[in-house]
Amino acid sequence: MPIKEKEAAFPKGVAKPAIRALASAGYTQLDQLANASEKELKSLHGMGAKALETLRTALKAKGKKFRA
């Protein structure tokens, strides 16, 4: 999947290193992150606190959250 499509799959404000980290881990859509814990995502190289907060907010807006 080209980087532009990967960027479109996640909310604006998630940096490219974080998007690449998610893609490398097999996450291609925001909804898939409800199956992951914050701890798992935080351990990905390129995933920072700002990206996690943006993703958390986007999931919450859809009535979802990270796995506990």
PDB file of N, CA and C in Angstrom:
ATOM      1  N   MET A   1       0.858  -1.186   0.000  1.00  0.00           N
ATOM      2  CA  MET A   1       0.000   0.000   0.000  1.00  0.00           C
ATOM      3  C   MET A   1       0.898   1.242   0.000  1.00  0.00           C
ATOM      4  N   PRO A   2       0.713   2.150  -0.939  1.00  0.00           N
ATOM      5  CA  PRO A   2       1.502   3.383  -0.981  1.00  0.00           C
ATOM      6  C   PRO A   2       1.305   4.225   0.281  1.00  0.00           C
ATOM      7  N   ILE A   3       2.313   5.019   0.624  1.00  0.00           N
ATOM      8  CA  ILE A   3       2.277   5.815   1.857  1.00  0.00           C
ATOM      9  C   ILE A   3       1.071   6.752   1.899  1.00  0.00           C
ATOM     10  N   LYS A   4       0.655   7.310   0.777  1.00  0.00           N
ATOM     11  CA  LYS A   4      -0.511   8.210   0.767  1.00  0.00           C
ATOM     12  C   LYS A   4      -1.769   7.467   1.223  1.00  0.00           C
ATOM     13  N   GLU A   5      -1.932   6.227   0.785  1.00  0.00           N
ATOM     14  CA  GLU A   5      -3.090   5.431   1.213  1.00  0.00           C
ATOM     15  C   GLU A   5      -2.976   5.084   2.694  1.00  0.00           C
ATOM     16  N   LYS A   6      -1.765   4.803   3.164  1.00  0.00           N
ATOM     17  CA  LYS A   6      -1.560   4.498   4.579  1.00  0.00           C
ATOM     18  C   LYS A   6      -1.911   5.712   5.421  1.00  0.00           C
ATOM     19  N   GLU A   7      -1.481   6.889   4.969  1.00  0.00           N
ATOM     20  CA  GLU A   7      -1.781   8.123   5.701  1.00  0.00           C
ATOM     21  C   GLU A   7      -3.287   8.358   5.778  1.00  0.00           C
ATOM     22  N   ALA A   8      -3.995   8.062   4.704  1.00  0.00           N
ATOM     23  CA  ALA A   8      -5.439   8.287   4.658  1.00  0.00           C
ATOM     24  C   ALA A   8      -6.179   7.342   5.596  1.00  0.00           C
ATOM     25  N   ALA A   9      -5.577   6.206   5.922  1.00  0.00           N
ATOM     26  CA  ALA A   9      -6.222   5.216   6.782  1.00  0.00           C
ATOM     27  C   ALA A   9      -6.202   5.620   8.245  1.00  0.00           C
ATOM     28  N   PHE A  10      -5.367   6.593   8.593  1.00  0.00           N
ATOM     29  CA  PHE A  10      -5.230   7.038   9.975  1.00  0.00           C
ATOM     30  C   PHE A  10      -5.519   8.536  10.063  1.00  0.00           C
ATOM     31  N   PRO A  11      -5.884   9.017  11.250  1.00  0.00           N
ATOM     32  CA  PRO A  11      -6.238  10.433  11.385  1.00  0.00           C
ATOM     33  C   PRO A  11      -5.083  11.386  11.076  1.00  0.00           C
ATOM     34  N   LYS A  12      -5.445  12.559  10.625  1.00  0.00           N
ATOM     35  CA  LYS A  12      -4.462  13.602  10.381  1.00  0.00           C
ATOM     36  C   LYS A  12      -3.752  13.909  11.698  1.00  0.00           C
ATOM     37  N   GLY A  13      -2.457  14.108  11.626  1.00  0.00           N
ATOM     38  CA  GLY A  13      -1.698  14.403  12.829  1.00  0.00           C
ATOM     39  C   GLY A  13      -0.836  13.232  13.283  1.00  0.00           C
ATOM     40  N   VAL A  14      -1.063  12.064  12.708  1.00  0.00           N
ATOM     41  CA  VAL A  14      -0.209  10.920  13.016  1.00  0.00           C
ATOM     42  C   VAL A  14       0.993  10.997  12.076  1.00  0.00           C
ATOM     43  N   ALA A  15       2.172  11.102  12.651  1.00  0.00           N
ATOM     44  CA  ALA A  15       3.394  11.294  11.862  1.00  0.00           C
ATOM     45  C   ALA A  15       3.724  10.070  11.006  1.00  0.00           C
ATOM     46  N   LYS A  16       4.461  10.321   9.929  1.00  0.00           N
ATOM     47  CA  LYS A  16       4.829   9.249   9.005  1.00  0.00           C
ATOM     48  C   LYS A  16       5.602   8.109   9.669  1.00  0.00           C
ATOM     49  N   PRO A  17       6.529   8.397  10.607  1.00  0.00           N
ATOM     50  CA  PRO A  17       7.208   7.273  11.269  1.00  0.00           C
ATOM     51  C   PRO A  17       6.231   6.368  12.024  1.00  0.00           C
ATOM     52  N   ALA A  18       5.227   6.959  12.633  1.00  0.00           N
ATOM     53  CA  ALA A  18       4.227   6.169  13.349  1.00  0.00           C
ATOM     54  C   ALA A  18       3.379   5.357  12.370  1.00  0.00           C
ATOM     55  N   ILE A  19       3.037   5.953  11.242  1.00  0.00           N
ATOM     56  CA  ILE A  19       2.254   5.242  10.220  1.00  0.00           C
ATOM     57  C   ILE A  19       3.055   4.062   9.669  1.00  0.00           C
ATOM     58  N   ARG A  20       4.342   4.277   9.442  1.00  0.00           N
ATOM     59  CA  ARG A  20       5.194   3.179   8.963  1.00  0.00           C
ATOM     60  C   ARG A  20       5.299   2.082  10.014  1.00  0.00           C
ATOM     61  N   ALA A  21       5.399   2.463  11.285  1.00  0.00           N
ATOM     62  CA  ALA A  21       5.473   1.477  12.365  1.00  0.00           C
ATOM     63  C   ALA A  21       4.194   0.650  12.424  1.00  0.00           C
ATOM     64  N   LEU A  22       3.060   1.312  12.290  1.00  0.00           N
ATOM     65  CA  LEU A  22       1.782   0.603  12.296  1.00  0.00           C
ATOM     66  C   LEU A  22       1.691  -0.352  11.107  1.00  0.00           C
ATOM     67  N   ALA A  23       2.073   0.122   9.941  1.00  0.00           N
ATOM     68  CA  ALA A  23       2.014  -0.718   8.737  1.00  0.00           C
ATOM     69  C   ALA A  23       2.934  -1.926   8.870  1.00  0.00           C
ATOM     70  N   SER A  24       4.114  -1.714   9.423  1.00  0.00           N
ATOM     71  CA  SER A  24       5.062  -2.815   9.609  1.00  0.00           C
ATOM     72  C   SER A  24       4.517  -3.871  10.566  1.00  0.00           C
ATOM     73  N   ALA A  25       3.701  -3.428  11.505  1.00  0.00           N
ATOM     74  CA  ALA A  25       3.103  -4.350  12.468  1.00  0.00           C
ATOM     75  C   ALA A  25       1.800  -4.964  11.937  1.00  0.00           C
ATOM     76  N   GLY A  26       1.400  -4.569  10.728  1.00  0.00           N
ATOM     77  CA  GLY A  26       0.220  -5.156  10.107  1.00  0.00           C
ATOM     78  C   GLY A  26      -1.068  -4.369  10.290  1.00  0.00           C
ATOM     79  N   TYR A  27      -0.972  -3.182  10.860  1.00  0.00           N
ATOM     80  CA  TYR A  27      -2.163  -2.349  11.054  1.00  0.00           C
ATOM     81  C   TYR A  27      -2.317  -1.408   9.866  1.00  0.00           C
ATOM     82  N   THR A  28      -3.427  -1.549   9.162  1.00  0.00           N
ATOM     83  CA  THR A  28      -3.652  -0.730   7.975  1.00  0.00           C
ATOM     84  C   THR A  28      -4.881   0.167   8.106  1.00  0.00           C
ATOM     85  N   GLN A  29      -5.675  -0.042   9.149  1.00  0.00           N
ATOM     86  CA  GLN A  29      -6.889   0.751   9.364  1.00  0.00           C
ATOM     87  C   GLN A  29      -7.010   1.106  10.841  1.00  0.00           C
ATOM     88  N   LEU A  30      -7.593   2.238  11.119  1.00  0.00           N
ATOM     89  CA  LEU A  30      -7.775   2.696  12.490  1.00  0.00           C
ATOM     90  C   LEU A  30      -8.533   1.676  13.337  1.00  0.00           C
ATOM     91  N   ASP A  31      -9.585   1.104  12.801  1.00  0.00           N
ATOM     92  CA  ASP A  31     -10.404   0.161  13.567  1.00  0.00           C
ATOM     93  C   ASP A  31      -9.616  -1.044  14.077  1.00  0.00           C
ATOM     94  N   GLN A  32      -8.572  -1.432  13.364  1.00  0.00           N
ATOM     95  CA  GLN A  32      -7.754  -2.567  13.783  1.00  0.00           C
ATOM     96  C   GLN A  32      -7.049  -2.302  15.118  1.00  0.00           C
ATOM     97  N   LEU A  33      -6.844  -1.045  15.439  1.00  0.00           N
ATOM     98  CA  LEU A  33      -6.113  -0.711  16.658  1.00  0.00           C
ATOM     99  C   LEU A  33      -6.904  -1.018  17.924  1.00  0.00           C
ATOM    100  N   ALA A  34      -8.197  -1.236  17.788  1.00  0.00           N
ATOM    101  CA  ALA A  34      -9.001  -1.618  18.951  1.00  0.00           C
ATOM    102  C   ALA A  34      -8.615  -3.019  19.428  1.00  0.00           C
ATOM    103  N   ASN A  35      -7.888  -3.762  18.596  1.00  0.00           N
ATOM    104  CA  ASN A  35      -7.418  -5.100  18.958  1.00  0.00           C
ATOM    105  C   ASN A  35      -6.014  -5.068  19.541  1.00  0.00           C
ATOM    106  N   ALA A  36      -5.443  -3.892  19.706  1.00  0.00           N
ATOM    107  CA  ALA A  36      -4.082  -3.746  20.222  1.00  0.00           C
ATOM    108  C   ALA A  36      -4.103  -2.960  21.524  1.00  0.00           C
ATOM    109  N   SER A  37      -3.147  -3.239  22.368  1.00  0.00           N
ATOM    110  CA  SER A  37      -3.029  -2.467  23.612  1.00  0.00           C
ATOM    111  C   SER A  37      -2.102  -1.278  23.363  1.00  0.00           C
ATOM    112  N   GLU A  38      -2.238  -0.258  24.197  1.00  0.00           N
ATOM    113  CA  GLU A  38      -1.350   0.897  24.075  1.00  0.00           C
ATOM    114  C   GLU A  38       0.092   0.469  24.298  1.00  0.00           C
ATOM    115  N   LYS A  39       0.300  -0.472  25.214  1.00  0.00           N
ATOM    116  CA  LYS A  39       1.648  -0.949  25.511  1.00  0.00           C
ATOM    117  C   LYS A  39       2.282  -1.560  24.263  1.00  0.00           C
ATOM    118  N   GLU A  40       1.509  -2.358  23.526  1.00  0.00           N
ATOM    119  CA  GLU A  40       2.023  -2.968  22.295  1.00  0.00           C
ATOM    120  C   GLU A  40       2.391  -1.895  21.273  1.00  0.00           C
ATOM    121  N   LEU A  41       1.498  -0.936  21.098  1.00  0.00           N
ATOM    122  CA  LEU A  41       1.739   0.110  20.106  1.00  0.00           C
ATOM    123  C   LEU A  41       2.907   0.999  20.507  1.00  0.00           C
ATOM    124  N   LYS A  42       3.000   1.289  21.790  1.00  0.00           N
ATOM    125  CA  LYS A  42       4.077   2.149  22.293  1.00  0.00           C
ATOM    126  C   LYS A  42       5.449   1.518  22.050  1.00  0.00           C
ATOM    127  N   SER A  43       5.502   0.197  22.006  1.00  0.00           N
ATOM    128  CA  SER A  43       6.776  -0.496  21.814  1.00  0.00           C
ATOM    129  C   SER A  43       7.248  -0.470  20.361  1.00  0.00           C
ATOM    130  N   LEU A  44       6.385  -0.047  19.442  1.00  0.00           N
ATOM    131  CA  LEU A  44       6.762   0.016  18.030  1.00  0.00           C
ATOM    132  C   LEU A  44       7.736   1.172  17.795  1.00  0.00           C
ATOM    133  N   HIS A  45       8.805   0.892  17.078  1.00  0.00           N
ATOM    134  CA  HIS A  45       9.784   1.929  16.756  1.00  0.00           C
ATOM    135  C   HIS A  45       9.124   2.969  15.846  1.00  0.00           C
ATOM    136  N   GLY A  46       9.105   4.213  16.295  1.00  0.00           N
ATOM    137  CA  GLY A  46       8.484   5.287  15.519  1.00  0.00           C
ATOM    138  C   GLY A  46       7.166   5.768  16.104  1.00  0.00           C
ATOM    139  N   MET A  47       6.644   5.026  17.079  1.00  0.00           N
ATOM    140  CA  MET A  47       5.369   5.388  17.701  1.00  0.00           C
ATOM    141  C   MET A  47       5.645   6.250  18.933  1.00  0.00           C
ATOM    142  N   GLY A  48       5.146   7.468  18.915  1.00  0.00           N
ATOM    143  CA  GLY A  48       5.366   8.381  20.027  1.00  0.00           C
ATOM    144  C   GLY A  48       4.085   8.687  20.784  1.00  0.00           C
ATOM    145  N   ALA A  49       4.235   9.447  21.848  1.00  0.00           N
ATOM    146  CA  ALA A  49       3.110   9.801  22.715  1.00  0.00           C
ATOM    147  C   ALA A  49       2.049  10.603  21.962  1.00  0.00           C
ATOM    148  N   LYS A  50       2.480  11.523  21.101  1.00  0.00           N
ATOM    149  CA  LYS A  50       1.524  12.346  20.352  1.00  0.00           C
ATOM    150  C   LYS A  50       0.687  11.480  19.405  1.00  0.00           C
ATOM    151  N   ALA A  51       1.339  10.544  18.724  1.00  0.00           N
ATOM    152  CA  ALA A  51       0.609   9.652  17.811  1.00  0.00           C
ATOM    153  C   ALA A  51      -0.388   8.803  18.587  1.00  0.00           C
ATOM    154  N   LEU A  52       0.027   8.278  19.730  1.00  0.00           N
ATOM    155  CA  LEU A  52      -0.884   7.469  20.538  1.00  0.00           C
ATOM    156  C   LEU A  52      -2.092   8.278  20.994  1.00  0.00           C
ATOM    157  N   GLU A  53      -1.864   9.508  21.400  1.00  0.00           N
ATOM    158  CA  GLU A  53      -2.972  10.363  21.843  1.00  0.00           C
ATOM    159  C   GLU A  53      -3.925  10.643  20.688  1.00  0.00           C
ATOM    160  N   THR A  54      -3.392  10.922  19.520  1.00  0.00           N
ATOM    161  CA  THR A  54      -4.225  11.176  18.343  1.00  0.00           C
ATOM    162  C   THR A  54      -5.049   9.939  17.997  1.00  0.00           C
ATOM    163  N   LEU A  55      -4.422   8.779  18.031  1.00  0.00           N
ATOM    164  CA  LEU A  55      -5.128   7.535  17.732  1.00  0.00           C
ATOM    165  C   LEU A  55      -6.179   7.222  18.791  1.00  0.00           C
ATOM    166  N   ARG A  56      -5.846   7.453  20.060  1.00  0.00           N
ATOM    167  CA  ARG A  56      -6.799   7.228  21.157  1.00  0.00           C
ATOM    168  C   ARG A  56      -8.044   8.102  20.966  1.00  0.00           C
ATOM    169  N   THR A  57      -7.835   9.368  20.632  1.00  0.00           N
ATOM    170  CA  THR A  57      -8.936  10.303  20.420  1.00  0.00           C
ATOM    171  C   THR A  57      -9.791   9.873  19.224  1.00  0.00           C
ATOM    172  N   ALA A  58      -9.139   9.434  18.152  1.00  0.00           N
ATOM    173  CA  ALA A  58      -9.869   9.011  16.954  1.00  0.00           C
ATOM    174  C   ALA A  58     -10.699   7.756  17.233  1.00  0.00           C
ATOM    175  N   LEU A  59     -10.134   6.815  17.977  1.00  0.00           N
ATOM    176  CA  LEU A  59     -10.889   5.615  18.336  1.00  0.00           C
ATOM    177  C   LEU A  59     -12.091   5.983  19.204  1.00  0.00           C
ATOM    178  N   LYS A  60     -11.864   6.861  20.178  1.00  0.00           N
ATOM    179  CA  LYS A  60     -12.937   7.273  21.085  1.00  0.00           C
ATOM    180  C   LYS A  60     -14.090   7.905  20.309  1.00  0.00           C
ATOM    181  N   ALA A  61     -13.760   8.684  19.290  1.00  0.00           N
ATOM    182  CA  ALA A  61     -14.788   9.326  18.464  1.00  0.00           C
ATOM    183  C   ALA A  61     -15.648   8.293  17.736  1.00  0.00           C
ATOM    184  N   LYS A  62     -15.097   7.099  17.550  1.00  0.00           N
ATOM    185  CA  LYS A  62     -15.828   6.021  16.886  1.00  0.00           C
ATOM    186  C   LYS A  62     -16.445   5.053  17.904  1.00  0.00           C
ATOM    187  N   GLY A  63     -16.362   5.428  19.194  1.00  0.00           N
ATOM    188  CA  GLY A  63     -16.923   4.583  20.238  1.00  0.00           C
ATOM    189  C   GLY A  63     -16.086   3.353  20.548  1.00  0.00           C
ATOM    190  N   LYS A  64     -14.787   3.445  20.241  1.00  0.00           N
ATOM    191  CA  LYS A  64     -13.878   2.322  20.469  1.00  0.00           C
ATOM    192  C   LYS A  64     -12.721   2.767  21.345  1.00  0.00           C
ATOM    193  N   LYS A  65     -11.901   1.801  21.773  1.00  0.00           N
ATOM    194  CA  LYS A  65     -10.706   2.119  22.542  1.00  0.00           C
ATOM    195  C   LYS A  65      -9.688   1.005  22.348  1.00  0.00           C
ATOM    196  N   PHE A  66      -8.467   1.275  22.800  1.00  0.00           N
ATOM    197  CA  PHE A  66      -7.441   0.256  22.739  1.00  0.00           C
ATOM    198  C   PHE A  66      -7.815  -0.903  23.661  1.00  0.00           C
ATOM    199  N   ARG A  67      -7.305  -2.092  23.338  1.00  0.00           N
ATOM    200  CA  ARG A  67      -7.527  -3.248  24.191  1.00  0.00           C
ATOM    201  C   ARG A  67      -6.818  -3.026  25.525  1.00  0.00           C
ATOM    202  N   ALA A  68      -7.421  -3.475  26.580  1.00  0.00           N
ATOM    203  CA  ALA A  68      -6.838  -3.276  27.918  1.00  0.00           C
ATOM    204  C   ALA A  68      -5.651  -4.182  28.143  1.00  0.00           C
TER     205      ALA A  68
END
